[in-house]
Amino acid sequence: MRLVDQVRSKTTKPAVLAARGLVFGILAAFLGLLAFVLLLIGATRGLQAIFEPFTDQGRAVYISYFVIGGILSGFGLFFFRKRNSGTSS
């Protein structure tokens, strides 16, 4: 029985651990993406509710889109600049 246990620990355990890691990683990425999308939807709707008392609904929607778009563009520009900071020329 010791030989069987040794063979199993060398062959199937790493495969099972890799499969579990892959499945849980994909699940975590999916749930993280879902949470990010729901956060964006909530932030957009919250901004619309904030701006609606000051303007009409159509303008509040456009303002909220511009604010969220500006924030996301700012993050994109930040990461775009960082993409080559680790390489030396």
C-alpha atoms as a PDB file:
ATOM      1  CA  MET A   1       0.000   0.000   0.000  1.00  0.00           C
ATOM      2  CA  ARG A   2       2.864   2.409   0.574  1.00  0.00           C
ATOM      3  CA  LEU A   3       3.887   2.180  -3.067  1.00  0.00           C
ATOM      4  CA  VAL A   4       0.366   2.994  -4.227  1.00  0.00           C
ATOM      5  CA  ASP A   5       0.203   5.973  -1.866  1.00  0.00           C
ATOM      6  CA  GLN A   6       3.569   7.244  -3.094  1.00  0.00           C
ATOM      7  CA  VAL A   7       2.539   6.951  -6.745  1.00  0.00           C
ATOM      8  CA  ARG A   8      -0.780   8.671  -6.037  1.00  0.00           C
ATOM      9  CA  SER A   9       0.895  11.528  -4.153  1.00  0.00           C
ATOM     10  CA  LYS A  10       3.308  12.088  -7.068  1.00  0.00           C
ATOM     11  CA  THR A  11       0.774  11.880  -9.900  1.00  0.00           C
ATOM     12  CA  THR A  12      -2.820  12.614  -9.031  1.00  0.00           C
ATOM     13  CA  LYS A  13      -2.446  15.074  -6.138  1.00  0.00           C
ATOM     14  CA  PRO A  14      -0.685  17.748  -8.237  1.00  0.00           C
ATOM     15  CA  ALA A  15      -3.242  17.304 -11.010  1.00  0.00           C
ATOM     16  CA  VAL A  16      -6.161  17.646  -8.586  1.00  0.00           C
ATOM     17  CA  LEU A  17      -4.590  20.731  -6.980  1.00  0.00           C
ATOM     18  CA  ALA A  18      -4.012  22.334 -10.385  1.00  0.00           C
ATOM     19  CA  ALA A  19      -7.577  21.621 -11.471  1.00  0.00           C
ATOM     20  CA  ARG A  20      -8.972  23.059  -8.232  1.00  0.00           C
ATOM     21  CA  GLY A  21      -6.818  26.148  -8.597  1.00  0.00           C
ATOM     22  CA  LEU A  22      -7.978  26.636 -12.176  1.00  0.00           C
ATOM     23  CA  VAL A  23     -11.664  26.214 -11.310  1.00  0.00           C
ATOM     24  CA  PHE A  24     -11.521  28.502  -8.270  1.00  0.00           C
ATOM     25  CA  GLY A  25      -9.473  31.068 -10.196  1.00  0.00           C
ATOM     26  CA  ILE A  26     -11.993  31.198 -13.033  1.00  0.00           C
ATOM     27  CA  LEU A  27     -14.843  31.442 -10.522  1.00  0.00           C
ATOM     28  CA  ALA A  28     -13.112  34.269  -8.631  1.00  0.00           C
ATOM     29  CA  ALA A  29     -12.419  36.158 -11.878  1.00  0.00           C
ATOM     30  CA  PHE A  30     -16.039  35.796 -12.995  1.00  0.00           C
ATOM     31  CA  LEU A  31     -17.434  36.944  -9.643  1.00  0.00           C
ATOM     32  CA  GLY A  32     -14.970  39.831  -9.519  1.00  0.00           C
ATOM     33  CA  LEU A  33     -15.986  40.974 -12.988  1.00  0.00           C
ATOM     34  CA  LEU A  34     -19.659  40.695 -12.042  1.00  0.00           C
ATOM     35  CA  ALA A  35     -19.081  42.747  -8.882  1.00  0.00           C
ATOM     36  CA  PHE A  36     -17.224  45.407 -10.898  1.00  0.00           C
ATOM     37  CA  VAL A  37     -20.052  45.691 -13.430  1.00  0.00           C
ATOM     38  CA  LEU A  38     -22.663  45.960 -10.679  1.00  0.00           C
ATOM     39  CA  LEU A  39     -20.538  48.610  -8.948  1.00  0.00           C
ATOM     40  CA  LEU A  40     -20.373  50.632 -12.172  1.00  0.00           C
ATOM     41  CA  ILE A  41     -24.127  50.373 -12.661  1.00  0.00           C
ATOM     42  CA  GLY A  42     -24.767  51.447  -9.069  1.00  0.00           C
ATOM     43  CA  ALA A  43     -22.312  54.340  -9.296  1.00  0.00           C
ATOM     44  CA  THR A  44     -23.891  55.547 -12.534  1.00  0.00           C
ATOM     45  CA  ARG A  45     -27.383  55.397 -11.073  1.00  0.00           C
ATOM     46  CA  GLY A  46     -26.206  57.072  -7.865  1.00  0.00           C
ATOM     47  CA  LEU A  47     -24.667  59.935  -9.814  1.00  0.00           C
ATOM     48  CA  GLN A  48     -27.888  60.312 -11.775  1.00  0.00           C
ATOM     49  CA  ALA A  49     -29.830  60.577  -8.520  1.00  0.00           C
ATOM     50  CA  ILE A  50     -27.377  63.196  -7.242  1.00  0.00           C
ATOM     51  CA  PHE A  51     -27.543  65.346 -10.389  1.00  0.00           C
ATOM     52  CA  GLU A  52     -31.305  65.065 -11.045  1.00  0.00           C
ATOM     53  CA  PRO A  53     -32.383  67.769  -8.552  1.00  0.00           C
ATOM     54  CA  PHE A  54     -30.112  70.287 -10.280  1.00  0.00           C
ATOM     55  CA  THR A  55     -30.920  69.482 -13.937  1.00  0.00           C
ATOM     56  CA  ASP A  56     -33.424  67.468 -15.929  1.00  0.00           C
ATOM     57  CA  GLN A  57     -33.152  63.680 -16.198  1.00  0.00           C
ATOM     58  CA  GLY A  58     -31.550  63.610 -19.644  1.00  0.00           C
ATOM     59  CA  ARG A  59     -28.699  65.880 -18.631  1.00  0.00           C
ATOM     60  CA  ALA A  60     -28.205  63.988 -15.364  1.00  0.00           C
ATOM     61  CA  VAL A  61     -27.771  60.782 -17.369  1.00  0.00           C
ATOM     62  CA  TYR A  62     -25.220  62.385 -19.690  1.00  0.00           C
ATOM     63  CA  ILE A  63     -23.316  63.965 -16.794  1.00  0.00           C
ATOM     64  CA  SER A  64     -23.149  60.634 -14.955  1.00  0.00           C
ATOM     65  CA  TYR A  65     -21.875  58.930 -18.115  1.00  0.00           C
ATOM     66  CA  PHE A  66     -19.198  61.587 -18.572  1.00  0.00           C
ATOM     67  CA  VAL A  67     -18.084  61.346 -14.927  1.00  0.00           C
ATOM     68  CA  ILE A  68     -17.843  57.538 -14.945  1.00  0.00           C
ATOM     69  CA  GLY A  69     -16.217  57.609 -18.394  1.00  0.00           C
ATOM     70  CA  GLY A  70     -13.691  60.185 -17.200  1.00  0.00           C
ATOM     71  CA  ILE A  71     -12.791  58.104 -14.151  1.00  0.00           C
ATOM     72  CA  LEU A  72     -12.364  54.955 -16.238  1.00  0.00           C
ATOM     73  CA  SER A  73     -10.351  56.859 -18.847  1.00  0.00           C
ATOM     74  CA  GLY A  74      -8.120  58.210 -16.089  1.00  0.00           C
ATOM     75  CA  PHE A  75      -7.441  54.680 -14.849  1.00  0.00           C
ATOM     76  CA  GLY A  76      -6.770  53.576 -18.419  1.00  0.00           C
ATOM     77  CA  LEU A  77      -4.293  56.388 -19.019  1.00  0.00           C
ATOM     78  CA  PHE A  78      -2.548  55.646 -15.719  1.00  0.00           C
ATOM     79  CA  PHE A  79      -2.071  51.976 -16.578  1.00  0.00           C
ATOM     80  CA  PHE A  80      -1.138  52.852 -20.162  1.00  0.00           C
ATOM     81  CA  ARG A  81       1.749  54.961 -18.853  1.00  0.00           C
ATOM     82  CA  LYS A  82       2.818  52.233 -16.429  1.00  0.00           C
ATOM     83  CA  ARG A  83       3.016  49.545 -19.140  1.00  0.00           C
ATOM     84  CA  ASN A  84       6.623  50.344 -20.101  1.00  0.00           C
ATOM     85  CA  SER A  85       7.944  51.728 -16.811  1.00  0.00           C
ATOM     86  CA  GLY A  86       9.637  48.411 -15.924  1.00  0.00           C
ATOM     87  CA  THR A  87      11.677  48.171 -19.133  1.00  0.00           C
ATOM     88  CA  SER A  88      14.920  50.013 -19.693  1.00  0.00           C
ATOM     89  CA  SER A  89      15.712  51.584 -23.048  1.00  0.00           C
END
